Amino acid sequence: MPALALHQLRTRHIGPVDLDVAAGECVCIRGASGSGKSLLLRAIADLDPHAGEALLDGRACSSMPGPAWRRRVALVMAEGQWWADTVGEHFPAGCTPAWLDRVGLPAGALDWQVARCSTGERQRLALLRTLMQGPAVLLLDEPTGNLDEDSTARVEAVLDDYRREHAAALLWVSHDPRQAARVARRRFLLEDGKLVEEEEGGKAAADKGKAAGADRPPDTEGAAW
């Protein structure tokens, strides 16, 4: 049974989408600006109206309260939400210096004023805040979009470790084909509201009617996730 399953999911101009993501697997979605990648993630997170169904370990999103669903199927946006003055107030259970170091932040980062953090710092902190909650599925909307090369490599490594250690399912939106090739064996393009699986080398599969889901086991070794 896949960790995350989408059955005929539709939202606005997107769909129907059928996709399975296994526990411990990372699947990447690319597409042109405005193609609806973020809208698709928001629908999966039950933040926007949608038809069809999303399931977590066989349990339908429609059978769960929205907050409970999002604790298990967590959306990490390019710019997280901040509601208090200091970073530490957003980490009620704390965050160890080791975790902060893994994304290139100092131990004192929890004492920072949110307003004085750079966009890239806020992005990494928002990711850590989500990981501290232990979700089973991560919906990643350009999680390294505001980062330099070194910070990008750090975040990719942290997400790889989390995927392996927690058997988490990752659905990763990226504009970068090189990143997509690094992090995922299965990669899709979102075109005209449909998911089209990419072949090796980045070309879209010839059969555009091919179902997006697949019965492949998760990759747990090697460079590609």
Protein backbone atom coordinates (compact mmCIF):
# COMPACT_ATOMS: atom_id res chain seq x y z
CA MET A 1 0.00 0.00 0.00
CA PRO A 2 1.44 3.42 -0.92
CA ALA A 3 1.93 5.97 1.84
CA LEU A 4 0.28 8.67 -0.29
CA ALA A 5 -2.27 7.89 -2.99
CA LEU A 6 -4.11 10.37 -5.21
CA HIS A 7 -7.24 9.14 -6.96
CA GLN A 8 -8.74 11.35 -9.67
CA LEU A 9 -7.72 14.46 -7.75
CA ARG A 10 -8.91 17.69 -9.35
CA THR A 11 -8.47 21.32 -8.37
CA ARG A 12 -9.11 24.36 -10.55
CA HIS A 13 -7.52 23.63 -13.95
CA ILE A 14 -5.53 20.63 -12.71
CA GLY A 15 -6.42 16.97 -13.03
CA PRO A 16 -7.58 14.38 -12.84
CA VAL A 17 -4.37 13.24 -11.16
CA ASP A 18 -3.65 9.65 -10.15
CA LEU A 19 -0.37 9.11 -8.31
CA ASP A 20 1.07 6.75 -5.69
CA VAL A 21 4.12 7.61 -3.58
CA ALA A 22 5.52 4.75 -1.53
CA ALA A 23 6.88 5.03 1.99
CA GLY A 24 10.55 5.92 1.68
CA GLU A 25 10.18 7.22 -1.87
CA CYS A 26 10.78 10.69 -3.32
CA VAL A 27 8.83 11.73 -6.42
CA CYS A 28 9.60 15.03 -8.15
CA ILE A 29 7.28 17.31 -10.12
CA ARG A 30 8.46 20.04 -12.46
CA GLY A 31 6.56 22.39 -14.73
CA ALA A 32 6.44 25.86 -16.18
CA SER A 33 5.68 28.83 -13.97
CA GLY A 34 1.92 29.00 -13.48
CA SER A 35 1.36 25.37 -14.43
CA GLY A 36 -0.23 24.68 -11.05
CA LYS A 37 2.45 22.81 -9.11
CA SER A 38 1.81 24.75 -5.90
CA LEU A 39 -1.95 24.49 -6.38
CA LEU A 40 -1.64 20.71 -6.62
CA LEU A 41 0.31 20.53 -3.35
CA ARG A 42 -2.23 22.80 -1.64
CA ALA A 43 -5.06 20.52 -2.77
CA ILE A 44 -3.23 17.45 -1.45
CA ALA A 45 -2.73 19.26 1.86
CA ASP A 46 -6.49 19.95 1.95
CA LEU A 47 -5.95 23.70 1.94
CA ASP A 48 -7.87 24.35 -1.30
CA PRO A 49 -11.18 22.91 -2.56
CA HIS A 50 -10.76 19.79 -4.66
CA ALA A 51 -12.56 16.79 -6.06
CA GLY A 52 -11.32 13.22 -6.02
CA GLU A 53 -9.43 11.81 -3.06
CA ALA A 54 -6.06 11.77 -1.34
CA LEU A 55 -5.26 8.88 0.99
CA LEU A 56 -2.60 8.35 3.66
CA ASP A 57 -1.87 4.67 4.30
CA GLY A 58 -5.31 3.91 2.88
CA ARG A 59 -7.19 6.43 5.00
CA ALA A 60 -9.02 9.12 3.05
CA CYS A 61 -8.33 12.79 3.63
CA SER A 62 -12.09 13.37 3.63
CA SER A 63 -12.42 11.18 6.73
CA MET A 64 -10.04 13.30 8.81
CA PRO A 65 -10.17 16.87 10.17
CA GLY A 66 -7.95 19.19 8.14
CA PRO A 67 -5.44 19.93 10.93
CA ALA A 68 -5.04 16.22 11.71
CA TRP A 69 -4.42 15.47 8.03
CA ARG A 70 -1.83 18.23 7.74
CA ARG A 71 0.08 17.01 10.79
CA ARG A 72 0.69 13.78 8.86
CA VAL A 73 0.77 15.19 5.31
CA ALA A 74 2.77 18.38 5.77
CA LEU A 75 3.15 21.14 3.21
CA VAL A 76 6.48 22.97 3.30
CA MET A 77 6.07 26.21 1.36
CA ALA A 78 8.80 28.38 -0.09
CA GLU A 79 7.94 31.02 2.53
CA GLY A 80 6.63 29.60 5.82
CA GLN A 81 4.15 31.20 8.18
CA TRP A 82 5.48 33.16 11.17
CA TRP A 83 3.23 34.49 13.94
CA ALA A 84 5.59 35.41 16.81
CA ASP A 85 8.56 37.74 17.17
CA THR A 86 11.35 35.25 17.81
CA VAL A 87 12.29 32.06 15.99
CA GLY A 88 12.25 29.95 19.16
CA GLU A 89 8.59 30.71 19.84
CA HIS A 90 7.78 28.67 16.72
CA PHE A 91 9.56 25.59 18.12
CA PRO A 92 7.56 24.63 21.23
CA ALA A 93 9.44 21.34 21.54
CA GLY A 94 12.78 23.01 20.85
CA CYS A 95 15.35 22.25 18.18
CA THR A 96 18.81 20.87 18.94
CA PRO A 97 21.99 22.64 17.82
CA ALA A 98 22.80 19.53 15.77
CA TRP A 99 19.66 19.98 13.65
CA LEU A 100 20.38 23.67 13.16
CA ASP A 101 23.97 22.90 12.15
CA ARG A 102 22.81 20.40 9.55
CA VAL A 103 21.10 23.18 7.61
CA GLY A 104 23.96 25.64 8.16
CA LEU A 105 22.47 27.67 11.02
CA PRO A 106 24.13 28.50 14.36
CA ALA A 107 22.96 27.20 17.73
CA GLY A 108 21.70 30.67 18.66
CA ALA A 109 19.29 30.87 15.74
CA LEU A 110 16.30 30.19 18.01
CA ASP A 111 16.95 33.54 19.70
CA TRP A 112 16.79 35.49 16.44
CA GLN A 113 14.07 37.98 15.60
CA VAL A 114 12.07 36.58 12.70
CA ALA A 115 11.93 39.99 11.04
CA ARG A 116 15.72 40.10 10.83
CA CYS A 117 16.10 36.67 9.23
CA SER A 118 16.90 36.45 5.54
CA THR A 119 14.52 34.66 3.18
CA GLY A 120 16.87 31.68 3.00
CA GLU A 121 17.19 31.49 6.79
CA ARG A 122 13.42 31.55 7.21
CA GLN A 123 13.07 28.84 4.58
CA ARG A 124 15.47 26.51 6.37
CA LEU A 125 13.91 27.22 9.76
CA ALA A 126 10.42 26.54 8.41
CA LEU A 127 11.63 23.19 7.08
CA LEU A 128 13.14 22.23 10.45
CA ARG A 129 9.93 23.28 12.21
CA THR A 130 7.99 20.87 10.01
CA LEU A 131 10.44 18.00 10.45
CA MET A 132 10.21 18.34 14.24
CA GLN A 133 6.53 17.35 13.93
CA GLY A 134 7.41 14.00 12.34
CA PRO A 135 5.06 13.92 9.33
CA ALA A 136 4.67 10.74 7.27
CA VAL A 137 4.46 12.69 4.00
CA LEU A 138 6.29 15.86 3.01
CA LEU A 139 4.85 18.08 0.27
CA LEU A 140 7.87 20.19 -0.66
CA ASP A 141 7.23 23.37 -2.65
CA GLU A 142 10.65 24.50 -3.91
CA PRO A 143 12.33 23.79 -0.54
CA THR A 144 15.69 25.12 -1.78
CA GLY A 145 14.40 27.87 -4.07
CA ASN A 146 15.94 30.71 -2.05
CA LEU A 147 19.20 28.98 -1.13
CA ASP A 148 22.78 29.05 -2.38
CA GLU A 149 24.57 25.93 -3.56
CA ASP A 150 25.99 24.98 -0.15
CA SER A 151 22.68 25.42 1.69
CA THR A 152 20.87 23.54 -1.08
CA ALA A 153 23.20 20.56 -0.63
CA ARG A 154 22.65 20.64 3.14
CA VAL A 155 18.85 20.70 2.81
CA GLU A 156 18.88 17.90 0.24
CA ALA A 157 20.97 15.80 2.64
CA VAL A 158 18.65 16.50 5.59
CA LEU A 159 15.61 15.52 3.55
CA ASP A 160 17.35 12.38 2.29
CA ASP A 161 18.15 11.36 5.87
CA TYR A 162 14.60 12.08 7.02
CA ARG A 163 13.16 10.02 4.17
CA ARG A 164 15.36 7.04 5.01
CA GLU A 165 15.09 7.21 8.80
CA HIS A 166 11.32 7.74 8.91
CA ALA A 167 10.30 5.88 5.73
CA ALA A 168 8.66 9.15 4.73
CA ALA A 169 7.07 9.77 1.34
CA LEU A 170 8.28 12.95 -0.35
CA LEU A 171 6.50 14.80 -3.16
CA TRP A 172 9.01 17.43 -4.24
CA VAL A 173 8.29 20.36 -6.55
CA SER A 174 11.40 21.81 -8.19
CA HIS A 175 12.10 24.04 -11.20
CA ASP A 176 15.61 22.58 -11.53
CA PRO A 177 15.94 19.43 -13.71
CA ARG A 178 19.37 18.70 -12.21
CA GLN A 179 17.94 18.69 -8.72
CA ALA A 180 15.04 16.52 -9.85
CA ALA A 181 17.51 13.99 -11.23
CA ARG A 182 19.47 14.01 -7.95
CA VAL A 183 16.58 13.50 -5.58
CA ALA A 184 14.05 11.30 -7.40
CA ARG A 185 13.92 8.21 -9.59
CA ARG A 186 10.38 9.01 -10.68
CA ARG A 187 9.92 12.47 -12.13
CA PHE A 188 6.88 14.13 -13.67
CA LEU A 189 6.07 17.23 -15.67
CA LEU A 190 2.84 19.08 -14.98
CA GLU A 191 1.57 20.10 -18.42
CA ASP A 192 -1.90 21.35 -19.31
CA GLY A 193 -3.14 20.20 -15.91
CA LYS A 194 -1.87 16.63 -16.33
CA LEU A 195 1.08 14.77 -14.85
CA VAL A 196 3.35 13.31 -17.54
CA GLU A 197 6.09 10.93 -16.41
CA GLU A 198 9.59 11.79 -17.61
CA GLU A 199 11.86 9.22 -19.17
CA GLU A 200 15.56 8.99 -18.35
CA GLY A 201 17.29 12.04 -19.77
CA GLY A 202 14.38 14.30 -18.85
CA LYS A 203 12.15 13.62 -21.84
CA ALA A 204 8.43 13.19 -21.26
CA ALA A 205 7.09 9.69 -21.77
CA ALA A 206 5.58 9.19 -25.20
CA ASP A 207 2.36 7.79 -23.79
CA LYS A 208 0.80 10.85 -22.19
CA GLY A 209 -2.17 8.79 -21.16
CA LYS A 210 0.01 6.64 -18.92
CA ALA A 211 -1.19 6.46 -15.32
CA ALA A 212 0.95 8.51 -12.99
CA GLY A 213 0.97 5.88 -10.24
CA ALA A 214 3.38 2.97 -10.27
CA ASP A 215 3.92 -0.18 -8.23
CA ARG A 216 7.64 0.32 -7.78
CA PRO A 217 9.30 -0.34 -4.42
CA PRO A 218 10.94 2.67 -2.79
CA ASP A 219 14.63 3.20 -3.48
CA THR A 220 16.53 3.16 -0.22
CA GLU A 221 20.12 3.05 -1.50
CA GLY A 222 22.19 5.00 -3.99
CA ALA A 223 22.35 8.63 -5.00
CA ALA A 224 18.84 8.95 -6.39
CA TRP A 225 16.08 8.96 -3.81
